[in-house]
Amino acid sequence: MSEELRLRIISGIVMAAVVLVATWFGGLSFRLLSAAITLLVYYEWSTISRLERNERLLGWFMVGVLGLMILAGWTGVAVVLLGFFLLVAFLVAIASTEAKVWLPAGLFYAGLSGIALAAVRGDDPTGFAAMLFVFALVWATDILAYFVGRAIGGPKLAPKISPGKTWSGAIGGTISAVIAGSAVALSMTDASPIWIVPAAFVLSVASQAGDLFESFIKRRFGVKDSSHLIPGHGGVMDRVDGLVVACFAAFLLMAIRALSAGGSFALDGGALLGL
């Protein structure tokens, strides 16, 4: 075994252990993880996109405030603040002579990453099952898309963005995600397959879109990895690209479900699982 592969395996085990332990305990532990992901994603985004000093400092202030709201468990307040901060960031971009969109885009991506993660896990008993549901389908998508794509090959999914991805891999990953996600949700809760199966499908597609989006950003700025924070794996964005966009979609499904069920905007894991 090469030293690089050994380092990659060890880093992967440590990351998985930290994430699963934080997910198990929930509460402050998981909110701390969510806030940390918000800050680290912004750090990598601002570095990749080469934000100017004033833009970067403004962004740090904004994501710092969002991180504190996430840490306190005030996800609803964080959503409102994110909307306000995005307005400010767009005004700054418009006032700039070059009118760049990278500050508001990075703020949205980093801020919603932590907010969505914290909202899915929440503090209710179903939050653990909801988060495992998302993990299962995202991991199944990644793993099976890779192996099915290599085994079958065929037309490329997005050759100009990520030449290695194929339609066969995307379809195989989605099918495996529906199976894995449904198995987790249905074995842990009384969720209905009528809701869980299409939800898993939507989140798997979102996960693959997130992977492609990060590939586009890296190709746009000519970088191989988002950073070198994780030994053998690159950066945080490289590891959570599919997960955070799947959580974006989960957050939207939770809002739709919660509003349609009772007319309130109380988001929890049960809303994601259709309970």
C-alpha atoms as a PDB file:
ATOM      1  CA  MET A   1       0.000   0.000   0.000  1.00  0.00           C
ATOM      2  CA  SER A   2       1.366   3.394  -0.998  1.00  0.00           C
ATOM      3  CA  GLU A   3       1.876   6.130   1.573  1.00  0.00           C
ATOM      4  CA  GLU A   4      -0.644   8.357  -0.194  1.00  0.00           C
ATOM      5  CA  LEU A   5      -3.336   5.660  -0.168  1.00  0.00           C
ATOM      6  CA  ARG A   6      -2.653   4.875   3.494  1.00  0.00           C
ATOM      7  CA  LEU A   7      -2.979   8.561   4.375  1.00  0.00           C
ATOM      8  CA  ARG A   8      -6.203   8.808   2.387  1.00  0.00           C
ATOM      9  CA  ILE A   9      -7.716   5.803   4.173  1.00  0.00           C
ATOM     10  CA  ILE A  10      -6.741   7.061   7.625  1.00  0.00           C
ATOM     11  CA  SER A  11      -8.106  10.544   6.895  1.00  0.00           C
ATOM     12  CA  GLY A  12     -11.327   9.039   5.553  1.00  0.00           C
ATOM     13  CA  ILE A  13     -11.836   6.911   8.673  1.00  0.00           C
ATOM     14  CA  VAL A  14     -11.192   9.864  10.974  1.00  0.00           C
ATOM     15  CA  MET A  15     -13.598  12.101   9.023  1.00  0.00           C
ATOM     16  CA  ALA A  16     -16.321   9.466   8.984  1.00  0.00           C
ATOM     17  CA  ALA A  17     -15.905   8.855  12.727  1.00  0.00           C
ATOM     18  CA  VAL A  18     -16.113  12.567  13.567  1.00  0.00           C
ATOM     19  CA  VAL A  19     -19.187  13.106  11.392  1.00  0.00           C
ATOM     20  CA  LEU A  20     -21.039  10.020  12.648  1.00  0.00           C
ATOM     21  CA  VAL A  21     -20.284  10.743  16.315  1.00  0.00           C
ATOM     22  CA  ALA A  22     -21.468  14.350  15.907  1.00  0.00           C
ATOM     23  CA  THR A  23     -24.582  13.083  14.119  1.00  0.00           C
ATOM     24  CA  TRP A  24     -25.286  10.570  16.887  1.00  0.00           C
ATOM     25  CA  PHE A  25     -25.074  13.167  19.663  1.00  0.00           C
ATOM     26  CA  GLY A  26     -26.756  15.905  17.651  1.00  0.00           C
ATOM     27  CA  GLY A  27     -27.429  19.175  19.451  1.00  0.00           C
ATOM     28  CA  LEU A  28     -24.402  21.378  20.037  1.00  0.00           C
ATOM     29  CA  SER A  29     -22.011  18.743  18.651  1.00  0.00           C
ATOM     30  CA  PHE A  30     -23.640  18.665  15.228  1.00  0.00           C
ATOM     31  CA  ARG A  31     -24.273  22.399  15.166  1.00  0.00           C
ATOM     32  CA  LEU A  32     -20.564  22.920  15.831  1.00  0.00           C
ATOM     33  CA  LEU A  33     -19.765  20.654  12.881  1.00  0.00           C
ATOM     34  CA  SER A  34     -22.251  22.551  10.684  1.00  0.00           C
ATOM     35  CA  ALA A  35     -20.820  25.934  11.679  1.00  0.00           C
ATOM     36  CA  ALA A  36     -17.274  24.680  11.057  1.00  0.00           C
ATOM     37  CA  ILE A  37     -18.261  23.497   7.560  1.00  0.00           C
ATOM     38  CA  THR A  38     -19.754  26.941   6.856  1.00  0.00           C
ATOM     39  CA  LEU A  39     -16.500  28.692   7.795  1.00  0.00           C
ATOM     40  CA  LEU A  40     -14.224  26.209   6.017  1.00  0.00           C
ATOM     41  CA  VAL A  41     -16.283  26.235   2.818  1.00  0.00           C
ATOM     42  CA  TYR A  42     -16.163  30.026   2.763  1.00  0.00           C
ATOM     43  CA  TYR A  43     -12.408  29.972   3.378  1.00  0.00           C
ATOM     44  CA  GLU A  44     -11.884  27.646   0.405  1.00  0.00           C
ATOM     45  CA  TRP A  45     -14.342  29.506  -1.822  1.00  0.00           C
ATOM     46  CA  SER A  46     -12.770  32.894  -1.110  1.00  0.00           C
ATOM     47  CA  THR A  47      -9.317  31.453  -1.804  1.00  0.00           C
ATOM     48  CA  ILE A  48     -10.302  29.701  -5.042  1.00  0.00           C
ATOM     49  CA  SER A  49     -12.252  32.668  -6.417  1.00  0.00           C
ATOM     50  CA  ARG A  50      -9.505  35.090  -5.353  1.00  0.00           C
ATOM     51  CA  LEU A  51     -11.818  37.544  -3.661  1.00  0.00           C
ATOM     52  CA  GLU A  52     -10.384  40.980  -3.065  1.00  0.00           C
ATOM     53  CA  ARG A  53      -9.341  41.824   0.481  1.00  0.00           C
ATOM     54  CA  ASN A  54     -12.357  44.027   1.298  1.00  0.00           C
ATOM     55  CA  GLU A  55     -14.790  41.494  -0.149  1.00  0.00           C
ATOM     56  CA  ARG A  56     -13.121  38.671   1.747  1.00  0.00           C
ATOM     57  CA  LEU A  57     -13.276  40.533   5.068  1.00  0.00           C
ATOM     58  CA  LEU A  58     -16.932  41.440   4.550  1.00  0.00           C
ATOM     59  CA  GLY A  59     -17.673  37.824   3.734  1.00  0.00           C
ATOM     60  CA  TRP A  60     -15.843  36.635   6.861  1.00  0.00           C
ATOM     61  CA  PHE A  61     -17.964  38.926   9.006  1.00  0.00           C
ATOM     62  CA  MET A  62     -21.157  37.630   7.416  1.00  0.00           C
ATOM     63  CA  VAL A  63     -20.332  33.915   7.613  1.00  0.00           C
ATOM     64  CA  GLY A  64     -19.059  34.451  11.153  1.00  0.00           C
ATOM     65  CA  VAL A  65     -22.452  35.812  12.188  1.00  0.00           C
ATOM     66  CA  LEU A  66     -24.206  32.964  10.372  1.00  0.00           C
ATOM     67  CA  GLY A  67     -21.929  30.476  12.110  1.00  0.00           C
ATOM     68  CA  LEU A  68     -22.901  31.894  15.505  1.00  0.00           C
ATOM     69  CA  MET A  69     -26.611  31.647  14.618  1.00  0.00           C
ATOM     70  CA  ILE A  70     -26.149  28.027  13.540  1.00  0.00           C
ATOM     71  CA  LEU A  71     -24.213  27.278  16.727  1.00  0.00           C
ATOM     72  CA  ALA A  72     -27.010  28.773  18.809  1.00  0.00           C
ATOM     73  CA  GLY A  73     -29.596  26.668  16.982  1.00  0.00           C
ATOM     74  CA  TRP A  74     -31.342  29.687  15.447  1.00  0.00           C
ATOM     75  CA  THR A  75     -31.605  28.364  11.903  1.00  0.00           C
ATOM     76  CA  GLY A  76     -34.697  30.448  11.160  1.00  0.00           C
ATOM     77  CA  VAL A  77     -32.841  33.625  12.135  1.00  0.00           C
ATOM     78  CA  ALA A  78     -29.861  32.432  10.078  1.00  0.00           C
ATOM     79  CA  VAL A  79     -32.076  32.080   6.984  1.00  0.00           C
ATOM     80  CA  VAL A  80     -33.362  35.652   7.362  1.00  0.00           C
ATOM     81  CA  LEU A  81     -29.844  36.984   7.951  1.00  0.00           C
ATOM     82  CA  LEU A  82     -28.541  35.065   4.951  1.00  0.00           C
ATOM     83  CA  GLY A  83     -31.145  36.767   2.764  1.00  0.00           C
ATOM     84  CA  PHE A  84     -30.140  40.181   4.107  1.00  0.00           C
ATOM     85  CA  PHE A  85     -26.430  39.467   3.717  1.00  0.00           C
ATOM     86  CA  LEU A  86     -26.969  38.310   0.135  1.00  0.00           C
ATOM     87  CA  LEU A  87     -28.688  41.602  -0.655  1.00  0.00           C
ATOM     88  CA  VAL A  88     -25.739  43.504   0.807  1.00  0.00           C
ATOM     89  CA  ALA A  89     -23.261  41.311  -1.084  1.00  0.00           C
ATOM     90  CA  PHE A  90     -25.094  41.880  -4.389  1.00  0.00           C
ATOM     91  CA  LEU A  91     -25.078  45.627  -3.796  1.00  0.00           C
ATOM     92  CA  VAL A  92     -21.339  45.466  -3.162  1.00  0.00           C
ATOM     93  CA  ALA A  93     -20.905  43.468  -6.382  1.00  0.00           C
ATOM     94  CA  ILE A  94     -22.978  45.971  -8.360  1.00  0.00           C
ATOM     95  CA  ALA A  95     -20.977  48.875  -6.926  1.00  0.00           C
ATOM     96  CA  SER A  96     -17.747  47.180  -7.952  1.00  0.00           C
ATOM     97  CA  THR A  97     -16.251  48.249 -11.273  1.00  0.00           C
ATOM     98  CA  GLU A  98     -16.060  44.598 -12.329  1.00  0.00           C
ATOM     99  CA  ALA A  99     -19.444  43.589 -10.867  1.00  0.00           C
ATOM    100  CA  LYS A 100     -18.206  40.168  -9.756  1.00  0.00           C
ATOM    101  CA  VAL A 101     -20.700  37.670  -8.343  1.00  0.00           C
ATOM    102  CA  TRP A 102     -18.247  35.491  -6.448  1.00  0.00           C
ATOM    103  CA  LEU A 103     -18.840  37.080  -3.026  1.00  0.00           C
ATOM    104  CA  PRO A 104     -22.645  36.615  -2.988  1.00  0.00           C
ATOM    105  CA  ALA A 105     -22.301  33.177  -4.610  1.00  0.00           C
ATOM    106  CA  GLY A 106     -19.771  32.063  -1.996  1.00  0.00           C
ATOM    107  CA  LEU A 107     -21.836  33.513   0.827  1.00  0.00           C
ATOM    108  CA  PHE A 108     -24.922  31.650  -0.373  1.00  0.00           C
ATOM    109  CA  TYR A 109     -23.025  28.385  -0.855  1.00  0.00           C
ATOM    110  CA  ALA A 110     -21.201  28.479   2.482  1.00  0.00           C
ATOM    111  CA  GLY A 111     -24.081  29.885   4.525  1.00  0.00           C
ATOM    112  CA  LEU A 112     -26.758  27.564   3.243  1.00  0.00           C
ATOM    113  CA  SER A 113     -24.395  24.597   3.674  1.00  0.00           C
ATOM    114  CA  GLY A 114     -24.327  24.973   7.455  1.00  0.00           C
ATOM    115  CA  ILE A 115     -27.949  26.066   7.768  1.00  0.00           C
ATOM    116  CA  ALA A 116     -29.266  23.107   5.767  1.00  0.00           C
ATOM    117  CA  LEU A 117     -27.089  20.575   7.597  1.00  0.00           C
ATOM    118  CA  ALA A 118     -28.170  21.879  11.007  1.00  0.00           C
ATOM    119  CA  ALA A 119     -31.839  21.971   9.967  1.00  0.00           C
ATOM    120  CA  VAL A 120     -31.847  18.380   8.698  1.00  0.00           C
ATOM    121  CA  ARG A 121     -30.278  17.008  11.905  1.00  0.00           C
ATOM    122  CA  GLY A 122     -32.149  19.373  14.222  1.00  0.00           C
ATOM    123  CA  ASP A 123     -32.739  18.399  17.844  1.00  0.00           C
ATOM    124  CA  ASP A 124     -35.769  16.144  17.458  1.00  0.00           C
ATOM    125  CA  PRO A 125     -35.607  12.312  17.632  1.00  0.00           C
ATOM    126  CA  THR A 126     -36.219  11.899  13.907  1.00  0.00           C
ATOM    127  CA  GLY A 127     -33.274  14.151  13.035  1.00  0.00           C
ATOM    128  CA  PHE A 128     -30.765  11.333  13.451  1.00  0.00           C
ATOM    129  CA  ALA A 129     -32.702   9.100  11.042  1.00  0.00           C
ATOM    130  CA  ALA A 130     -33.118  11.990   8.591  1.00  0.00           C
ATOM    131  CA  MET A 131     -29.388  12.719   8.579  1.00  0.00           C
ATOM    132  CA  LEU A 132     -28.504   9.040   8.110  1.00  0.00           C
ATOM    133  CA  PHE A 133     -31.014   8.936   5.251  1.00  0.00           C
ATOM    134  CA  VAL A 134     -29.139  11.782   3.537  1.00  0.00           C
ATOM    135  CA  PHE A 135     -25.711  10.275   4.265  1.00  0.00           C
ATOM    136  CA  ALA A 136     -26.764   6.877   2.915  1.00  0.00           C
ATOM    137  CA  LEU A 137     -28.075   8.163  -0.383  1.00  0.00           C
ATOM    138  CA  VAL A 138     -25.177  10.589  -0.937  1.00  0.00           C
ATOM    139  CA  TRP A 139     -22.544   7.926  -0.217  1.00  0.00           C
ATOM    140  CA  ALA A 140     -24.399   5.357  -2.332  1.00  0.00           C
ATOM    141  CA  THR A 141     -24.597   7.868  -5.180  1.00  0.00           C
ATOM    142  CA  ASP A 142     -20.860   8.588  -5.047  1.00  0.00           C
ATOM    143  CA  ILE A 143     -19.685   4.991  -4.734  1.00  0.00           C
ATOM    144  CA  LEU A 144     -21.999   3.303  -7.227  1.00  0.00           C
ATOM    145  CA  ALA A 145     -21.750   6.119  -9.761  1.00  0.00           C
ATOM    146  CA  TYR A 146     -17.990   5.561  -9.801  1.00  0.00           C
ATOM    147  CA  PHE A 147     -18.088   1.769 -10.116  1.00  0.00           C
ATOM    148  CA  VAL A 148     -21.031   1.572 -12.526  1.00  0.00           C
ATOM    149  CA  GLY A 149     -19.519   4.278 -14.689  1.00  0.00           C
ATOM    150  CA  ARG A 150     -16.193   2.451 -14.879  1.00  0.00           C
ATOM    151  CA  ALA A 151     -17.858  -0.896 -15.558  1.00  0.00           C
ATOM    152  CA  ILE A 152     -20.327   0.228 -18.233  1.00  0.00           C
ATOM    153  CA  GLY A 153     -18.913   3.470 -19.576  1.00  0.00           C
ATOM    154  CA  GLY A 154     -20.872   5.079 -22.394  1.00  0.00           C
ATOM    155  CA  PRO A 155     -21.817   8.701 -23.128  1.00  0.00           C
ATOM    156  CA  LYS A 156     -20.314  11.370 -20.915  1.00  0.00           C
ATOM    157  CA  LEU A 157     -22.579  13.224 -18.504  1.00  0.00           C
ATOM    158  CA  ALA A 158     -20.850  16.619 -18.704  1.00  0.00           C
ATOM    159  CA  PRO A 159     -17.600  16.249 -20.652  1.00  0.00           C
ATOM    160  CA  LYS A 160     -16.629  19.919 -20.470  1.00  0.00           C
ATOM    161  CA  ILE A 161     -17.009  20.021 -16.683  1.00  0.00           C
ATOM    162  CA  SER A 162     -16.068  16.537 -15.472  1.00  0.00           C
ATOM    163  CA  PRO A 163     -14.847  14.263 -18.282  1.00  0.00           C
ATOM    164  CA  GLY A 164     -14.837  11.126 -16.131  1.00  0.00           C
ATOM    165  CA  LYS A 165     -18.556  11.093 -15.330  1.00  0.00           C
ATOM    166  CA  THR A 166     -20.953   9.089 -17.494  1.00  0.00           C
ATOM    167  CA  TRP A 167     -24.704   8.802 -17.848  1.00  0.00           C
ATOM    168  CA  SER A 168     -24.499   5.123 -16.876  1.00  0.00           C
ATOM    169  CA  GLY A 169     -22.723   6.069 -13.655  1.00  0.00           C
ATOM    170  CA  ALA A 170     -25.252   8.806 -12.901  1.00  0.00           C
ATOM    171  CA  ILE A 171     -28.185   6.425 -13.407  1.00  0.00           C
ATOM    172  CA  GLY A 172     -26.513   3.631 -11.438  1.00  0.00           C
ATOM    173  CA  GLY A 173     -25.705   6.033  -8.600  1.00  0.00           C
ATOM    174  CA  THR A 174     -29.276   7.319  -8.481  1.00  0.00           C
ATOM    175  CA  ILE A 175     -30.803   3.837  -8.419  1.00  0.00           C
ATOM    176  CA  SER A 176     -28.452   2.739  -5.631  1.00  0.00           C
ATOM    177  CA  ALA A 177     -29.202   5.944  -3.704  1.00  0.00           C
ATOM    178  CA  VAL A 178     -32.948   5.300  -3.844  1.00  0.00           C
ATOM    179  CA  ILE A 179     -32.391   1.765  -2.558  1.00  0.00           C
ATOM    180  CA  ALA A 180     -29.903   2.716   0.186  1.00  0.00           C
ATOM    181  CA  GLY A 181     -31.764   5.826   1.340  1.00  0.00           C
ATOM    182  CA  SER A 182     -35.124   4.061   1.366  1.00  0.00           C
ATOM    183  CA  ALA A 183     -33.674   1.110   3.292  1.00  0.00           C
ATOM    184  CA  VAL A 184     -32.319   3.409   6.011  1.00  0.00           C
ATOM    185  CA  ALA A 185     -35.456   5.547   6.310  1.00  0.00           C
ATOM    186  CA  LEU A 186     -37.943   2.680   6.217  1.00  0.00           C
ATOM    187  CA  SER A 187     -35.968   0.553   8.685  1.00  0.00           C
ATOM    188  CA  MET A 188     -35.626   3.369  11.228  1.00  0.00           C
ATOM    189  CA  THR A 189     -38.997   5.137  10.952  1.00  0.00           C
ATOM    190  CA  ASP A 190     -42.605   4.709   9.859  1.00  0.00           C
ATOM    191  CA  ALA A 191     -41.998   6.816   6.759  1.00  0.00           C
ATOM    192  CA  SER A 192     -44.078   6.045   3.674  1.00  0.00           C
ATOM    193  CA  PRO A 193     -42.345   4.737   0.525  1.00  0.00           C
ATOM    194  CA  ILE A 194     -44.675   7.014  -1.455  1.00  0.00           C
ATOM    195  CA  TRP A 195     -42.727   9.970  -0.043  1.00  0.00           C
ATOM    196  CA  ILE A 196     -39.288   8.447   0.645  1.00  0.00           C
ATOM    197  CA  VAL A 197     -38.583   6.996  -2.816  1.00  0.00           C
ATOM    198  CA  PRO A 198     -39.127  10.236  -4.783  1.00  0.00           C
ATOM    199  CA  ALA A 199     -37.356  12.220  -2.033  1.00  0.00           C
ATOM    200  CA  ALA A 200     -34.314   9.948  -2.304  1.00  0.00           C
ATOM    201  CA  PHE A 201     -34.362  10.335  -6.086  1.00  0.00           C
ATOM    202  CA  VAL A 202     -34.444  14.146  -5.859  1.00  0.00           C
ATOM    203  CA  LEU A 203     -31.641  14.259  -3.281  1.00  0.00           C
ATOM    204  CA  SER A 204     -29.454  11.890  -5.312  1.00  0.00           C
ATOM    205  CA  VAL A 205     -29.824  14.078  -8.400  1.00  0.00           C
ATOM    206  CA  ALA A 206     -29.044  17.132  -6.249  1.00  0.00           C
ATOM    207  CA  SER A 207     -25.944  15.395  -4.880  1.00  0.00           C
ATOM    208  CA  GLN A 208     -24.627  14.761  -8.391  1.00  0.00           C
ATOM    209  CA  ALA A 209     -25.421  18.341  -9.373  1.00  0.00           C
ATOM    210  CA  GLY A 210     -23.380  19.504  -6.393  1.00  0.00           C
ATOM    211  CA  ASP A 211     -20.448  17.385  -7.507  1.00  0.00           C
ATOM    212  CA  LEU A 212     -20.634  18.864 -11.005  1.00  0.00           C
ATOM    213  CA  PHE A 213     -20.964  22.383  -9.637  1.00  0.00           C
ATOM    214  CA  GLU A 214     -17.778  22.082  -7.603  1.00  0.00           C
ATOM    215  CA  SER A 215     -15.986  20.611 -10.611  1.00  0.00           C
ATOM    216  CA  PHE A 216     -17.146  23.615 -12.640  1.00  0.00           C
ATOM    217  CA  ILE A 217     -15.842  26.064 -10.014  1.00  0.00           C
ATOM    218  CA  LYS A 218     -12.449  24.355  -9.838  1.00  0.00           C
ATOM    219  CA  ARG A 219     -12.177  24.215 -13.621  1.00  0.00           C
ATOM    220  CA  ARG A 220     -13.248  27.867 -13.873  1.00  0.00           C
ATOM    221  CA  PHE A 221     -10.387  28.954 -11.616  1.00  0.00           C
ATOM    222  CA  GLY A 222      -7.867  26.326 -12.713  1.00  0.00           C
ATOM    223  CA  VAL A 223      -7.369  24.449  -9.437  1.00  0.00           C
ATOM    224  CA  LYS A 224      -7.202  20.713  -8.806  1.00  0.00           C
ATOM    225  CA  ASP A 225      -8.359  20.682  -5.167  1.00  0.00           C
ATOM    226  CA  SER A 226     -10.344  23.224  -3.171  1.00  0.00           C
ATOM    227  CA  SER A 227      -7.519  23.264  -0.600  1.00  0.00           C
ATOM    228  CA  HIS A 228      -5.109  20.921   1.177  1.00  0.00           C
ATOM    229  CA  LEU A 229      -6.835  20.904   4.565  1.00  0.00           C
ATOM    230  CA  ILE A 230      -7.598  17.170   4.530  1.00  0.00           C
ATOM    231  CA  PRO A 231      -4.549  14.920   4.024  1.00  0.00           C
ATOM    232  CA  GLY A 232      -5.013  12.727   0.963  1.00  0.00           C
ATOM    233  CA  HIS A 233      -8.428  14.186   0.130  1.00  0.00           C
ATOM    234  CA  GLY A 234      -7.878  17.817  -0.797  1.00  0.00           C
ATOM    235  CA  GLY A 235     -10.291  20.291   0.757  1.00  0.00           C
ATOM    236  CA  VAL A 236     -13.582  20.365   2.597  1.00  0.00           C
ATOM    237  CA  MET A 237     -15.492  21.374  -0.535  1.00  0.00           C
ATOM    238  CA  ASP A 238     -14.028  18.336  -2.306  1.00  0.00           C
ATOM    239  CA  ARG A 239     -15.569  16.080   0.353  1.00  0.00           C
ATOM    240  CA  VAL A 240     -18.929  17.768   0.970  1.00  0.00           C
ATOM    241  CA  ASP A 241     -19.827  19.051  -2.505  1.00  0.00           C
ATOM    242  CA  GLY A 242     -22.578  16.487  -3.080  1.00  0.00           C
ATOM    243  CA  LEU A 243     -23.662  16.384   0.564  1.00  0.00           C
ATOM    244  CA  VAL A 244     -24.306  20.098   0.978  1.00  0.00           C
ATOM    245  CA  VAL A 245     -26.329  20.436  -2.231  1.00  0.00           C
ATOM    246  CA  ALA A 246     -28.331  17.339  -1.264  1.00  0.00           C
ATOM    247  CA  CYS A 247     -28.973  19.108   2.056  1.00  0.00           C
ATOM    248  CA  PHE A 248     -30.032  22.237   0.153  1.00  0.00           C
ATOM    249  CA  ALA A 249     -32.632  20.114  -1.618  1.00  0.00           C
ATOM    250  CA  ALA A 250     -33.579  18.404   1.661  1.00  0.00           C
ATOM    251  CA  PHE A 251     -34.063  21.818   3.282  1.00  0.00           C
ATOM    252  CA  LEU A 252     -36.419  22.799   0.446  1.00  0.00           C
ATOM    253  CA  LEU A 253     -38.362  19.522   0.726  1.00  0.00           C
ATOM    254  CA  MET A 254     -38.646  20.033   4.491  1.00  0.00           C
ATOM    255  CA  ALA A 255     -40.050  23.523   3.988  1.00  0.00           C
ATOM    256  CA  ILE A 256     -42.548  22.323   1.372  1.00  0.00           C
ATOM    257  CA  ARG A 257     -43.633  19.389   3.524  1.00  0.00           C
ATOM    258  CA  ALA A 258     -43.916  21.452   6.705  1.00  0.00           C
ATOM    259  CA  LEU A 259     -45.932  24.212   5.045  1.00  0.00           C
ATOM    260  CA  SER A 260     -48.248  21.811   3.233  1.00  0.00           C
ATOM    261  CA  ALA A 261     -48.823  19.698   6.336  1.00  0.00           C
ATOM    262  CA  GLY A 262     -49.611  22.344   8.907  1.00  0.00           C
ATOM    263  CA  GLY A 263     -49.012  25.760   7.516  1.00  0.00           C
ATOM    264  CA  SER A 264     -46.031  26.372   9.808  1.00  0.00           C
ATOM    265  CA  PHE A 265     -42.366  26.766   8.984  1.00  0.00           C
ATOM    266  CA  ALA A 266     -41.120  24.492  11.780  1.00  0.00           C
ATOM    267  CA  LEU A 267     -38.429  22.444  10.079  1.00  0.00           C
ATOM    268  CA  ASP A 268     -37.314  19.093  11.461  1.00  0.00           C
ATOM    269  CA  GLY A 269     -36.168  15.671  10.330  1.00  0.00           C
ATOM    270  CA  GLY A 270     -39.706  14.393  10.384  1.00  0.00           C
ATOM    271  CA  ALA A 271     -40.657  16.853   7.649  1.00  0.00           C
ATOM    272  CA  LEU A 272     -37.899  15.460   5.432  1.00  0.00           C
ATOM    273  CA  LEU A 273     -39.004  11.868   6.057  1.00  0.00           C
ATOM    274  CA  GLY A 274     -42.660  12.702   5.496  1.00  0.00           C
ATOM    275  CA  LEU A 275     -43.653  11.983   9.101  1.00  0.00           C
END
